[in-house]
Amino acid sequence: MERNIPVMSQTHTAPAPQSVAIRTATPDDSATIVRLAALDSSAVPAGPHLIGTVDGVPAAAISLSTGAVVADPFTPTAALVALLRMRAEHLRGPARSPGGLRGAGRIGLSVRGRRALT
């Protein structure tokens, strides 16, 4: 006797790719930044700001002056915030410390005992 037993196959699909964008905030974005701060239970960070969007929806913002971040806690934003931090650092440019180049020792540069090239 042969039995036909229905078999439910499990189909695992990868999550749909998401479009991520980072842009400079404009005055029209102030309500968006206030909304993100309220969702994040944080104060509105000082401007200027960058806004990170996922599929066109603002999900996080970073202050270019302080580095403070506000993000939608109901959206996965860890990767977006990391991208915002990298972009903000890039826009701020290389930071100079009072003693010379930041991180010069890590890349093998010495700022002590420099001689002028003639």
PDB file of N, CA and C in Angstrom:
ATOM      1  N   MET A   1       0.831  -1.156   0.000  1.00  0.00           N
ATOM      2  CA  MET A   1       0.000   0.000   0.000  1.00  0.00           C
ATOM      3  C   MET A   1       0.893   1.242   0.000  1.00  0.00           C
ATOM      4  N   GLU A   2       0.609   2.113  -0.917  1.00  0.00           N
ATOM      5  CA  GLU A   2       1.390   3.325  -1.073  1.00  0.00           C
ATOM      6  C   GLU A   2       0.607   4.496  -0.499  1.00  0.00           C
ATOM      7  N   ARG A   3       1.309   5.324   0.227  1.00  0.00           N
ATOM      8  CA  ARG A   3       0.656   6.502   0.804  1.00  0.00           C
ATOM      9  C   ARG A   3       1.243   7.763   0.195  1.00  0.00           C
ATOM     10  N   ASN A   4       0.399   8.626  -0.125  1.00  0.00           N
ATOM     11  CA  ASN A   4       0.848   9.947  -0.568  1.00  0.00           C
ATOM     12  C   ASN A   4       0.713  10.905   0.603  1.00  0.00           C
ATOM     13  N   ILE A   5       1.839  11.262   1.125  1.00  0.00           N
ATOM     14  CA  ILE A   5       1.854  12.175   2.264  1.00  0.00           C
ATOM     15  C   ILE A   5       2.322  13.537   1.763  1.00  0.00           C
ATOM     16  N   PRO A   6       1.490  14.514   1.958  1.00  0.00           N
ATOM     17  CA  PRO A   6       1.925  15.840   1.509  1.00  0.00           C
ATOM     18  C   PRO A   6       3.127  16.305   2.322  1.00  0.00           C
ATOM     19  N   VAL A   7       4.092  16.797   1.622  1.00  0.00           N
ATOM     20  CA  VAL A   7       5.308  17.292   2.267  1.00  0.00           C
ATOM     21  C   VAL A   7       5.350  18.804   2.094  1.00  0.00           C
ATOM     22  N   MET A   8       5.461  19.458   3.202  1.00  0.00           N
ATOM     23  CA  MET A   8       5.577  20.913   3.161  1.00  0.00           C
ATOM     24  C   MET A   8       7.057  21.243   3.039  1.00  0.00           C
ATOM     25  N   SER A   9       7.409  21.867   1.986  1.00  0.00           N
ATOM     26  CA  SER A   9       8.814  22.245   1.843  1.00  0.00           C
ATOM     27  C   SER A   9       9.017  23.613   2.481  1.00  0.00           C
ATOM     28  N   GLN A  10      10.144  23.744   3.098  1.00  0.00           N
ATOM     29  CA  GLN A  10      10.480  25.024   3.706  1.00  0.00           C
ATOM     30  C   GLN A  10      11.305  25.808   2.698  1.00  0.00           C
ATOM     31  N   THR A  11      10.812  26.918   2.354  1.00  0.00           N
ATOM     32  CA  THR A  11      11.534  27.774   1.434  1.00  0.00           C
ATOM     33  C   THR A  11      12.133  28.916   2.233  1.00  0.00           C
ATOM     34  N   HIS A  12      13.424  28.969   2.189  1.00  0.00           N
ATOM     35  CA  HIS A  12      14.127  30.050   2.877  1.00  0.00           C
ATOM     36  C   HIS A  12      14.548  31.057   1.826  1.00  0.00           C
ATOM     37  N   THR A  13      14.072  32.238   1.975  1.00  0.00           N
ATOM     38  CA  THR A  13      14.465  33.277   1.045  1.00  0.00           C
ATOM     39  C   THR A  13      15.322  34.298   1.770  1.00  0.00           C
ATOM     40  N   ALA A  14      16.263  34.802   1.046  1.00  0.00           N
ATOM     41  CA  ALA A  14      17.113  35.842   1.617  1.00  0.00           C
ATOM     42  C   ALA A  14      16.289  37.114   1.746  1.00  0.00           C
ATOM     43  N   PRO A  15      16.597  37.909   2.750  1.00  0.00           N
ATOM     44  CA  PRO A  15      15.874  39.170   2.873  1.00  0.00           C
ATOM     45  C   PRO A  15      16.090  40.019   1.619  1.00  0.00           C
ATOM     46  N   ALA A  16      15.089  40.760   1.274  1.00  0.00           N
ATOM     47  CA  ALA A  16      15.202  41.622   0.096  1.00  0.00           C
ATOM     48  C   ALA A  16      16.296  42.657   0.327  1.00  0.00           C
ATOM     49  N   PRO A  17      17.079  42.941  -0.698  1.00  0.00           N
ATOM     50  CA  PRO A  17      18.123  43.958  -0.533  1.00  0.00           C
ATOM     51  C   PRO A  17      17.495  45.300  -0.181  1.00  0.00           C
ATOM     52  N   GLN A  18      18.191  46.034   0.647  1.00  0.00           N
ATOM     53  CA  GLN A  18      17.684  47.333   1.066  1.00  0.00           C
ATOM     54  C   GLN A  18      18.552  48.427   0.465  1.00  0.00           C
ATOM     55  N   SER A  19      17.926  49.502   0.120  1.00  0.00           N
ATOM     56  CA  SER A  19      18.630  50.661  -0.392  1.00  0.00           C
ATOM     57  C   SER A  19      18.990  51.549   0.796  1.00  0.00           C
ATOM     58  N   VAL A  20      20.263  51.866   0.928  1.00  0.00           N
ATOM     59  CA  VAL A  20      20.737  52.710   2.023  1.00  0.00           C
ATOM     60  C   VAL A  20      21.326  53.976   1.414  1.00  0.00           C
ATOM     61  N   ALA A  21      20.987  55.109   1.986  1.00  0.00           N
ATOM     62  CA  ALA A  21      21.534  56.382   1.516  1.00  0.00           C
ATOM     63  C   ALA A  21      21.908  57.241   2.713  1.00  0.00           C
ATOM     64  N   ILE A  22      22.959  58.010   2.543  1.00  0.00           N
ATOM     65  CA  ILE A  22      23.389  58.971   3.558  1.00  0.00           C
ATOM     66  C   ILE A  22      23.446  60.325   2.871  1.00  0.00           C
ATOM     67  N   ARG A  23      22.826  61.307   3.503  1.00  0.00           N
ATOM     68  CA  ARG A  23      22.802  62.637   2.900  1.00  0.00           C
ATOM     69  C   ARG A  23      22.893  63.701   3.986  1.00  0.00           C
ATOM     70  N   THR A  24      23.276  64.885   3.569  1.00  0.00           N
ATOM     71  CA  THR A  24      23.317  66.023   4.474  1.00  0.00           C
ATOM     72  C   THR A  24      21.889  66.475   4.763  1.00  0.00           C
ATOM     73  N   ALA A  25      21.618  66.716   6.017  1.00  0.00           N
ATOM     74  CA  ALA A  25      20.280  67.180   6.403  1.00  0.00           C
ATOM     75  C   ALA A  25      20.083  68.620   5.939  1.00  0.00           C
ATOM     76  N   THR A  26      18.856  68.923   5.595  1.00  0.00           N
ATOM     77  CA  THR A  26      18.473  70.284   5.211  1.00  0.00           C
ATOM     78  C   THR A  26      17.520  70.824   6.278  1.00  0.00           C
ATOM     79  N   PRO A  27      17.202  72.111   6.240  1.00  0.00           N
ATOM     80  CA  PRO A  27      16.235  72.639   7.216  1.00  0.00           C
ATOM     81  C   PRO A  27      14.896  71.895   7.183  1.00  0.00           C
ATOM     82  N   ASP A  28      14.529  71.354   6.031  1.00  0.00           N
ATOM     83  CA  ASP A  28      13.277  70.590   5.936  1.00  0.00           C
ATOM     84  C   ASP A  28      13.319  69.293   6.742  1.00  0.00           C
ATOM     85  N   ASP A  29      14.523  68.847   7.136  1.00  0.00           N
ATOM     86  CA  ASP A  29      14.667  67.597   7.884  1.00  0.00           C
ATOM     87  C   ASP A  29      14.562  67.776   9.390  1.00  0.00           C
ATOM     88  N   SER A  30      14.363  68.992   9.868  1.00  0.00           N
ATOM     89  CA  SER A  30      14.360  69.200  11.321  1.00  0.00           C
ATOM     90  C   SER A  30      13.275  68.385  12.018  1.00  0.00           C
ATOM     91  N   ALA A  31      12.095  68.277  11.434  1.00  0.00           N
ATOM     92  CA  ALA A  31      11.030  67.470  12.051  1.00  0.00           C
ATOM     93  C   ALA A  31      11.416  65.994  12.085  1.00  0.00           C
ATOM     94  N   THR A  32      12.125  65.537  11.067  1.00  0.00           N
ATOM     95  CA  THR A  32      12.579  64.141  11.031  1.00  0.00           C
ATOM     96  C   THR A  32      13.573  63.878  12.147  1.00  0.00           C
ATOM     97  N   ILE A  33      14.499  64.799  12.360  1.00  0.00           N
ATOM     98  CA  ILE A  33      15.506  64.623  13.414  1.00  0.00           C
ATOM     99  C   ILE A  33      14.843  64.672  14.786  1.00  0.00           C
ATOM    100  N   VAL A  34      13.883  65.557  14.962  1.00  0.00           N
ATOM    101  CA  VAL A  34      13.133  65.618  16.226  1.00  0.00           C
ATOM    102  C   VAL A  34      12.394  64.300  16.454  1.00  0.00           C
ATOM    103  N   ARG A  35      11.781  63.747  15.397  1.00  0.00           N
ATOM    104  CA  ARG A  35      11.053  62.469  15.518  1.00  0.00           C
ATOM    105  C   ARG A  35      12.006  61.336  15.893  1.00  0.00           C
ATOM    106  N   LEU A  36      13.168  61.270  15.242  1.00  0.00           N
ATOM    107  CA  LEU A  36      14.140  60.218  15.569  1.00  0.00           C
ATOM    108  C   LEU A  36      14.623  60.357  17.013  1.00  0.00           C
ATOM    109  N   ALA A  37      14.863  61.586  17.453  1.00  0.00           N
ATOM    110  CA  ALA A  37      15.299  61.804  18.837  1.00  0.00           C
ATOM    111  C   ALA A  37      14.219  61.366  19.816  1.00  0.00           C
ATOM    112  N   ALA A  38      12.960  61.662  19.513  1.00  0.00           N
ATOM    113  CA  ALA A  38      11.863  61.251  20.398  1.00  0.00           C
ATOM    114  C   ALA A  38      11.750  59.732  20.448  1.00  0.00           C
ATOM    115  N   LEU A  39      11.852  59.077  19.299  1.00  0.00           N
ATOM    116  CA  LEU A  39      11.795  57.608  19.281  1.00  0.00           C
ATOM    117  C   LEU A  39      12.945  57.002  20.077  1.00  0.00           C
ATOM    118  N   ASP A  40      14.107  57.664  20.010  1.00  0.00           N
ATOM    119  CA  ASP A  40      15.317  57.180  20.672  1.00  0.00           C
ATOM    120  C   ASP A  40      15.385  57.617  22.134  1.00  0.00           C
ATOM    121  N   SER A  41      14.387  58.356  22.592  1.00  0.00           N
ATOM    122  CA  SER A  41      14.371  58.909  23.959  1.00  0.00           C
ATOM    123  C   SER A  41      15.640  59.705  24.244  1.00  0.00           C
ATOM    124  N   SER A  42      16.049  60.498  23.276  1.00  0.00           N
ATOM    125  CA  SER A  42      17.270  61.296  23.379  1.00  0.00           C
ATOM    126  C   SER A  42      16.963  62.749  23.069  1.00  0.00           C
ATOM    127  N   ALA A  43      17.886  63.595  23.472  1.00  0.00           N
ATOM    128  CA  ALA A  43      17.787  65.002  23.095  1.00  0.00           C
ATOM    129  C   ALA A  43      18.156  65.139  21.622  1.00  0.00           C
ATOM    130  N   VAL A  44      17.649  66.172  21.000  1.00  0.00           N
ATOM    131  CA  VAL A  44      18.009  66.438  19.606  1.00  0.00           C
ATOM    132  C   VAL A  44      19.470  66.884  19.584  1.00  0.00           C
ATOM    133  N   PRO A  45      20.319  66.179  18.838  1.00  0.00           N
ATOM    134  CA  PRO A  45      21.733  66.565  18.807  1.00  0.00           C
ATOM    135  C   PRO A  45      21.934  67.869  18.031  1.00  0.00           C
ATOM    136  N   ALA A  46      22.992  68.579  18.388  1.00  0.00           N
ATOM    137  CA  ALA A  46      23.319  69.829  17.705  1.00  0.00           C
ATOM    138  C   ALA A  46      23.661  69.556  16.247  1.00  0.00           C
ATOM    139  N   GLY A  47      23.323  70.490  15.384  1.00  0.00           N
ATOM    140  CA  GLY A  47      23.620  70.338  13.958  1.00  0.00           C
ATOM    141  C   GLY A  47      25.011  70.825  13.633  1.00  0.00           C
ATOM    142  N   PRO A  48      25.395  70.684  12.418  1.00  0.00           N
ATOM    143  CA  PRO A  48      24.694  70.103  11.279  1.00  0.00           C
ATOM    144  C   PRO A  48      24.605  68.585  11.393  1.00  0.00           C
ATOM    145  N   HIS A  49      23.760  67.975  10.568  1.00  0.00           N
ATOM    146  CA  HIS A  49      23.504  66.537  10.657  1.00  0.00           C
ATOM    147  C   HIS A  49      23.675  65.840   9.319  1.00  0.00           C
ATOM    148  N   LEU A  50      23.909  64.536   9.418  1.00  0.00           N
ATOM    149  CA  LEU A  50      23.750  63.627   8.292  1.00  0.00           C
ATOM    150  C   LEU A  50      22.544  62.770   8.612  1.00  0.00           C
ATOM    151  N   ILE A  51      21.782  62.404   7.589  1.00  0.00           N
ATOM    152  CA  ILE A  51      20.616  61.526   7.765  1.00  0.00           C
ATOM    153  C   ILE A  51      20.896  60.240   7.014  1.00  0.00           C
ATOM    154  N   GLY A  52      20.605  59.122   7.653  1.00  0.00           N
ATOM    155  CA  GLY A  52      20.704  57.821   6.997  1.00  0.00           C
ATOM    156  C   GLY A  52      19.314  57.287   6.731  1.00  0.00           C
ATOM    157  N   THR A  53      19.074  56.861   5.493  1.00  0.00           N
ATOM    158  CA  THR A  53      17.765  56.320   5.137  1.00  0.00           C
ATOM    159  C   THR A  53      17.897  54.868   4.704  1.00  0.00           C
ATOM    160  N   VAL A  54      16.853  54.101   4.970  1.00  0.00           N
ATOM    161  CA  VAL A  54      16.753  52.715   4.514  1.00  0.00           C
ATOM    162  C   VAL A  54      15.496  52.640   3.659  1.00  0.00           C
ATOM    163  N   ASP A  55      15.682  52.274   2.414  1.00  0.00           N
ATOM    164  CA  ASP A  55      14.569  52.239   1.454  1.00  0.00           C
ATOM    165  C   ASP A  55      13.802  53.561   1.432  1.00  0.00           C
ATOM    166  N   GLY A  56      14.542  54.665   1.525  1.00  0.00           N
ATOM    167  CA  GLY A  56      13.937  55.989   1.446  1.00  0.00           C
ATOM    168  C   GLY A  56      13.345  56.519   2.732  1.00  0.00           C
ATOM    169  N   VAL A  57      13.369  55.725   3.797  1.00  0.00           N
ATOM    170  CA  VAL A  57      12.779  56.136   5.076  1.00  0.00           C
ATOM    171  C   VAL A  57      13.895  56.524   6.044  1.00  0.00           C
ATOM    172  N   PRO A  58      13.900  57.756   6.570  1.00  0.00           N
ATOM    173  CA  PRO A  58      14.927  58.151   7.532  1.00  0.00           C
ATOM    174  C   PRO A  58      14.906  57.237   8.762  1.00  0.00           C
ATOM    175  N   ALA A  59      16.079  56.676   9.083  1.00  0.00           N
ATOM    176  CA  ALA A  59      16.159  55.741  10.201  1.00  0.00           C
ATOM    177  C   ALA A  59      17.165  56.170  11.258  1.00  0.00           C
ATOM    178  N   ALA A  60      18.091  57.062  10.918  1.00  0.00           N
ATOM    179  CA  ALA A  60      19.097  57.501  11.885  1.00  0.00           C
ATOM    180  C   ALA A  60      19.681  58.827  11.428  1.00  0.00           C
ATOM    181  N   ALA A  61      20.220  59.562  12.384  1.00  0.00           N
ATOM    182  CA  ALA A  61      20.890  60.830  12.085  1.00  0.00           C
ATOM    183  C   ALA A  61      22.082  60.968  13.015  1.00  0.00           C
ATOM    184  N   ILE A  62      23.111  61.645  12.530  1.00  0.00           N
ATOM    185  CA  ILE A  62      24.304  61.894  13.337  1.00  0.00           C
ATOM    186  C   ILE A  62      24.627  63.381  13.286  1.00  0.00           C
ATOM    187  N   SER A  63      25.069  63.900  14.415  1.00  0.00           N
ATOM    188  CA  SER A  63      25.517  65.285  14.485  1.00  0.00           C
ATOM    189  C   SER A  63      26.957  65.344  13.998  1.00  0.00           C
ATOM    190  N   LEU A  64      27.231  66.206  13.035  1.00  0.00           N
ATOM    191  CA  LEU A  64      28.604  66.363  12.563  1.00  0.00           C
ATOM    192  C   LEU A  64      29.454  67.118  13.571  1.00  0.00           C
ATOM    193  N   SER A  65      28.828  67.895  14.455  1.00  0.00           N
ATOM    194  CA  SER A  65      29.601  68.659  15.430  1.00  0.00           C
ATOM    195  C   SER A  65      29.929  67.862  16.686  1.00  0.00           C
ATOM    196  N   THR A  66      29.042  66.969  17.116  1.00  0.00           N
ATOM    197  CA  THR A  66      29.284  66.235  18.368  1.00  0.00           C
ATOM    198  C   THR A  66      29.437  64.732  18.187  1.00  0.00           C
ATOM    199  N   GLY A  67      28.970  64.202  17.076  1.00  0.00           N
ATOM    200  CA  GLY A  67      29.003  62.750  16.870  1.00  0.00           C
ATOM    201  C   GLY A  67      27.836  62.028  17.514  1.00  0.00           C
ATOM    202  N   ALA A  68      26.931  62.773  18.162  1.00  0.00           N
ATOM    203  CA  ALA A  68      25.766  62.136  18.794  1.00  0.00           C
ATOM    204  C   ALA A  68      24.844  61.572  17.717  1.00  0.00           C
ATOM    205  N   VAL A  69      24.286  60.404  18.014  1.00  0.00           N
ATOM    206  CA  VAL A  69      23.427  59.702  17.062  1.00  0.00           C
ATOM    207  C   VAL A  69      22.038  59.535  17.659  1.00  0.00           C
ATOM    208  N   VAL A  70      21.023  59.686  16.820  1.00  0.00           N
ATOM    209  CA  VAL A  70      19.653  59.314  17.171  1.00  0.00           C
ATOM    210  C   VAL A  70      19.176  58.351  16.095  1.00  0.00           C
ATOM    211  N   ALA A  71      18.454  57.311  16.526  1.00  0.00           N
ATOM    212  CA  ALA A  71      18.031  56.287  15.569  1.00  0.00           C
ATOM    213  C   ALA A  71      16.688  55.706  15.970  1.00  0.00           C
ATOM    214  N   ASP A  72      15.987  55.203  14.977  1.00  0.00           N
ATOM    215  CA  ASP A  72      14.700  54.549  15.192  1.00  0.00           C
ATOM    216  C   ASP A  72      14.945  53.195  15.859  1.00  0.00           C
ATOM    217  N   PRO A  73      14.496  53.000  17.106  1.00  0.00           N
ATOM    218  CA  PRO A  73      14.762  51.737  17.797  1.00  0.00           C
ATOM    219  C   PRO A  73      13.943  50.569  17.246  1.00  0.00           C
ATOM    220  N   PHE A  74      12.991  50.849  16.379  1.00  0.00           N
ATOM    221  CA  PHE A  74      12.150  49.791  15.825  1.00  0.00           C
ATOM    222  C   PHE A  74      12.644  49.319  14.462  1.00  0.00           C
ATOM    223  N   THR A  75      13.781  49.839  14.046  1.00  0.00           N
ATOM    224  CA  THR A  75      14.400  49.476  12.778  1.00  0.00           C
ATOM    225  C   THR A  75      15.827  49.031  13.062  1.00  0.00           C
ATOM    226  N   PRO A  76      16.294  47.944  12.447  1.00  0.00           N
ATOM    227  CA  PRO A  76      17.702  47.559  12.632  1.00  0.00           C
ATOM    228  C   PRO A  76      18.611  48.640  12.023  1.00  0.00           C
ATOM    229  N   THR A  77      19.352  49.336  12.880  1.00  0.00           N
ATOM    230  CA  THR A  77      20.147  50.469  12.401  1.00  0.00           C
ATOM    231  C   THR A  77      21.635  50.376  12.731  1.00  0.00           C
ATOM    232  N   ALA A  78      22.097  49.295  13.318  1.00  0.00           N
ATOM    233  CA  ALA A  78      23.505  49.217  13.726  1.00  0.00           C
ATOM    234  C   ALA A  78      24.447  49.437  12.543  1.00  0.00           C
ATOM    235  N   ALA A  79      24.189  48.780  11.426  1.00  0.00           N
ATOM    236  CA  ALA A  79      25.062  48.932  10.257  1.00  0.00           C
ATOM    237  C   ALA A  79      24.949  50.343   9.683  1.00  0.00           C
ATOM    238  N   LEU A  80      23.747  50.885   9.661  1.00  0.00           N
ATOM    239  CA  LEU A  80      23.545  52.243   9.157  1.00  0.00           C
ATOM    240  C   LEU A  80      24.282  53.255  10.028  1.00  0.00           C
ATOM    241  N   VAL A  81      24.203  53.094  11.340  1.00  0.00           N
ATOM    242  CA  VAL A  81      24.898  54.007  12.256  1.00  0.00           C
ATOM    243  C   VAL A  81      26.409  53.910  12.050  1.00  0.00           C
ATOM    244  N   ALA A  82      26.925  52.704  11.833  1.00  0.00           N
ATOM    245  CA  ALA A  82      28.361  52.546  11.564  1.00  0.00           C
ATOM    246  C   ALA A  82      28.749  53.304  10.294  1.00  0.00           C
ATOM    247  N   LEU A  83      27.918  53.219   9.261  1.00  0.00           N
ATOM    248  CA  LEU A  83      28.184  53.963   8.026  1.00  0.00           C
ATOM    249  C   LEU A  83      28.103  55.472   8.255  1.00  0.00           C
ATOM    250  N   LEU A  84      27.123  55.903   9.037  1.00  0.00           N
ATOM    251  CA  LEU A  84      27.011  57.328   9.357  1.00  0.00           C
ATOM    252  C   LEU A  84      28.251  57.822  10.093  1.00  0.00           C
ATOM    253  N   ARG A  85      28.735  57.035  11.050  1.00  0.00           N
ATOM    254  CA  ARG A  85      29.938  57.430  11.801  1.00  0.00           C
ATOM    255  C   ARG A  85      31.150  57.539  10.873  1.00  0.00           C
ATOM    256  N   MET A  86      31.295  56.564   9.969  1.00  0.00           N
ATOM    257  CA  MET A  86      32.426  56.607   9.031  1.00  0.00           C
ATOM    258  C   MET A  86      32.338  57.830   8.120  1.00  0.00           C
ATOM    259  N   ARG A  87      31.154  58.101   7.604  1.00  0.00           N
ATOM    260  CA  ARG A  87      30.987  59.248   6.705  1.00  0.00           C
ATOM    261  C   ARG A  87      31.216  60.555   7.452  1.00  0.00           C
ATOM    262  N   ALA A  88      30.711  60.658   8.663  1.00  0.00           N
ATOM    263  CA  ALA A  88      30.910  61.874   9.454  1.00  0.00           C
ATOM    264  C   ALA A  88      32.394  62.095   9.722  1.00  0.00           C
ATOM    265  N   GLU A  89      33.106  61.031  10.060  1.00  0.00           N
ATOM    266  CA  GLU A  89      34.545  61.148  10.309  1.00  0.00           C
ATOM    267  C   GLU A  89      35.260  61.590   9.037  1.00  0.00           C
ATOM    268  N   HIS A  90      34.862  61.031   7.921  1.00  0.00           N
ATOM    269  CA  HIS A  90      35.464  61.410   6.645  1.00  0.00           C
ATOM    270  C   HIS A  90      35.220  62.892   6.335  1.00  0.00           C
ATOM    271  N   LEU A  91      34.018  63.370   6.578  1.00  0.00           N
ATOM    272  CA  LEU A  91      33.700  64.769   6.312  1.00  0.00           C
ATOM    273  C   LEU A  91      34.433  65.720   7.248  1.00  0.00           C
ATOM    274  N   ARG A  92      34.662  65.283   8.479  1.00  0.00           N
ATOM    275  CA  ARG A  92      35.387  66.128   9.438  1.00  0.00           C
ATOM    276  C   ARG A  92      36.854  66.227   9.070  1.00  0.00           C
ATOM    277  N   GLY A  93      37.374  65.266   8.325  1.00  0.00           N
ATOM    278  CA  GLY A  93      38.771  65.284   7.909  1.00  0.00           C
ATOM    279  C   GLY A  93      39.681  64.758   8.995  1.00  0.00           C
ATOM    280  N   PRO A  94      40.964  64.659   8.673  1.00  0.00           N
ATOM    281  CA  PRO A  94      41.908  64.136   9.664  1.00  0.00           C
ATOM    282  C   PRO A  94      42.040  65.101  10.837  1.00  0.00           C
ATOM    283  N   ALA A  95      41.864  64.557  12.010  1.00  0.00           N
ATOM    284  CA  ALA A  95      41.973  65.379  13.224  1.00  0.00           C
ATOM    285  C   ALA A  95      43.440  65.548  13.586  1.00  0.00           C
ATOM    286  N   ARG A  96      43.766  66.699  14.011  1.00  0.00           N
ATOM    287  CA  ARG A  96      45.137  66.977  14.448  1.00  0.00           C
ATOM    288  C   ARG A  96      45.142  67.085  15.969  1.00  0.00           C
ATOM    289  N   SER A  97      46.093  66.433  16.563  1.00  0.00           N
ATOM    290  CA  SER A  97      46.245  66.571  18.008  1.00  0.00           C
ATOM    291  C   SER A  97      47.301  67.639  18.253  1.00  0.00           C
ATOM    292  N   PRO A  98      47.372  68.189  19.465  1.00  0.00           N
ATOM    293  CA  PRO A  98      48.363  69.228  19.735  1.00  0.00           C
ATOM    294  C   PRO A  98      49.788  68.750  19.491  1.00  0.00           C
ATOM    295  N   GLY A  99      50.039  67.461  19.630  1.00  0.00           N
ATOM    296  CA  GLY A  99      51.388  66.940  19.467  1.00  0.00           C
ATOM    297  C   GLY A  99      51.724  66.514  18.055  1.00  0.00           C
ATOM    298  N   GLY A 100      50.835  66.660  17.111  1.00  0.00           N
ATOM    299  CA  GLY A 100      51.156  66.267  15.739  1.00  0.00           C
ATOM    300  C   GLY A 100      50.021  65.496  15.108  1.00  0.00           C
ATOM    301  N   LEU A 101      50.385  64.573  14.252  1.00  0.00           N
ATOM    302  CA  LEU A 101      49.386  63.799  13.528  1.00  0.00           C
ATOM    303  C   LEU A 101      48.725  62.780  14.427  1.00  0.00           C
ATOM    304  N   ARG A 102      47.413  62.671  14.330  1.00  0.00           N
ATOM    305  CA  ARG A 102      46.690  61.662  15.107  1.00  0.00           C
ATOM    306  C   ARG A 102      47.037  60.295  14.550  1.00  0.00           C
ATOM    307  N   GLY A 103      47.436  59.389  15.416  1.00  0.00           N
ATOM    308  CA  GLY A 103      47.699  58.019  14.998  1.00  0.00           C
ATOM    309  C   GLY A 103      48.986  57.846  14.220  1.00  0.00           C
ATOM    310  N   ALA A 104      49.878  58.817  14.233  1.00  0.00           N
ATOM    311  CA  ALA A 104      51.096  58.709  13.436  1.00  0.00           C
ATOM    312  C   ALA A 104      51.919  57.492  13.829  1.00  0.00           C
ATOM    313  N   GLY A 105      51.944  57.156  15.105  1.00  0.00           N
ATOM    314  CA  GLY A 105      52.718  55.997  15.538  1.00  0.00           C
ATOM    315  C   GLY A 105      52.179  54.682  15.013  1.00  0.00           C
ATOM    316  N   ARG A 106      50.887  54.620  14.765  1.00  0.00           N
ATOM    317  CA  ARG A 106      50.289  53.381  14.286  1.00  0.00           C
ATOM    318  C   ARG A 106      50.699  53.063  12.863  1.00  0.00           C
ATOM    319  N   ILE A 107      51.017  54.091  12.083  1.00  0.00           N
ATOM    320  CA  ILE A 107      51.371  53.810  10.701  1.00  0.00           C
ATOM    321  C   ILE A 107      52.866  53.999  10.456  1.00  0.00           C
ATOM    322  N   GLY A 108      53.617  54.091  11.526  1.00  0.00           N
ATOM    323  CA  GLY A 108      55.064  54.120  11.418  1.00  0.00           C
ATOM    324  C   GLY A 108      55.638  55.482  11.066  1.00  0.00           C
ATOM    325  N   LEU A 109      54.906  56.540  11.260  1.00  0.00           N
ATOM    326  CA  LEU A 109      55.432  57.867  10.998  1.00  0.00           C
ATOM    327  C   LEU A 109      55.961  58.458  12.287  1.00  0.00           C
ATOM    328  N   SER A 110      57.016  59.193  12.164  1.00  0.00           N
ATOM    329  CA  SER A 110      57.549  59.872  13.326  1.00  0.00           C
ATOM    330  C   SER A 110      57.466  61.363  13.074  1.00  0.00           C
ATOM    331  N   VAL A 111      56.970  62.077  14.042  1.00  0.00           N
ATOM    332  CA  VAL A 111      56.899  63.528  13.904  1.00  0.00           C
ATOM    333  C   VAL A 111      57.958  64.201  14.764  1.00  0.00           C
ATOM    334  N   ARG A 112      58.729  63.418  15.484  1.00  0.00           N
ATOM    335  CA  ARG A 112      59.802  63.975  16.304  1.00  0.00           C
ATOM    336  C   ARG A 112      61.078  64.054  15.482  1.00  0.00           C
ATOM    337  N   GLY A 113      61.831  65.065  15.699  1.00  0.00           N
ATOM    338  CA  GLY A 113      63.135  65.174  15.056  1.00  0.00           C
ATOM    339  C   GLY A 113      63.048  65.363  13.547  1.00  0.00           C
ATOM    340  N   ARG A 114      61.975  65.975  13.077  1.00  0.00           N
ATOM    341  CA  ARG A 114      61.864  66.199  11.634  1.00  0.00           C
ATOM    342  C   ARG A 114      62.848  67.285  11.220  1.00  0.00           C
ATOM    343  N   ARG A 115      63.407  67.081  10.059  1.00  0.00           N
ATOM    344  CA  ARG A 115      64.284  68.107   9.511  1.00  0.00           C
ATOM    345  C   ARG A 115      63.635  68.668   8.263  1.00  0.00           C
ATOM    346  N   ALA A 116      63.819  69.922   8.053  1.00  0.00           N
ATOM    347  CA  ALA A 116      63.285  70.537   6.841  1.00  0.00           C
ATOM    348  C   ALA A 116      64.090  70.064   5.648  1.00  0.00           C
ATOM    349  N   LEU A 117      63.410  69.786   4.576  1.00  0.00           N
ATOM    350  CA  LEU A 117      64.088  69.404   3.343  1.00  0.00           C
ATOM    351  C   LEU A 117      64.550  70.668   2.636  1.00  0.00           C
ATOM    352  N   THR A 118      65.815  70.664   2.206  1.00  0.00           N
ATOM    353  CA  THR A 118      66.326  71.847   1.502  1.00  0.00           C
ATOM    354  C   THR A 118      66.736  71.509   0.109  1.00  0.00           C
TER     355      THR A 118
END
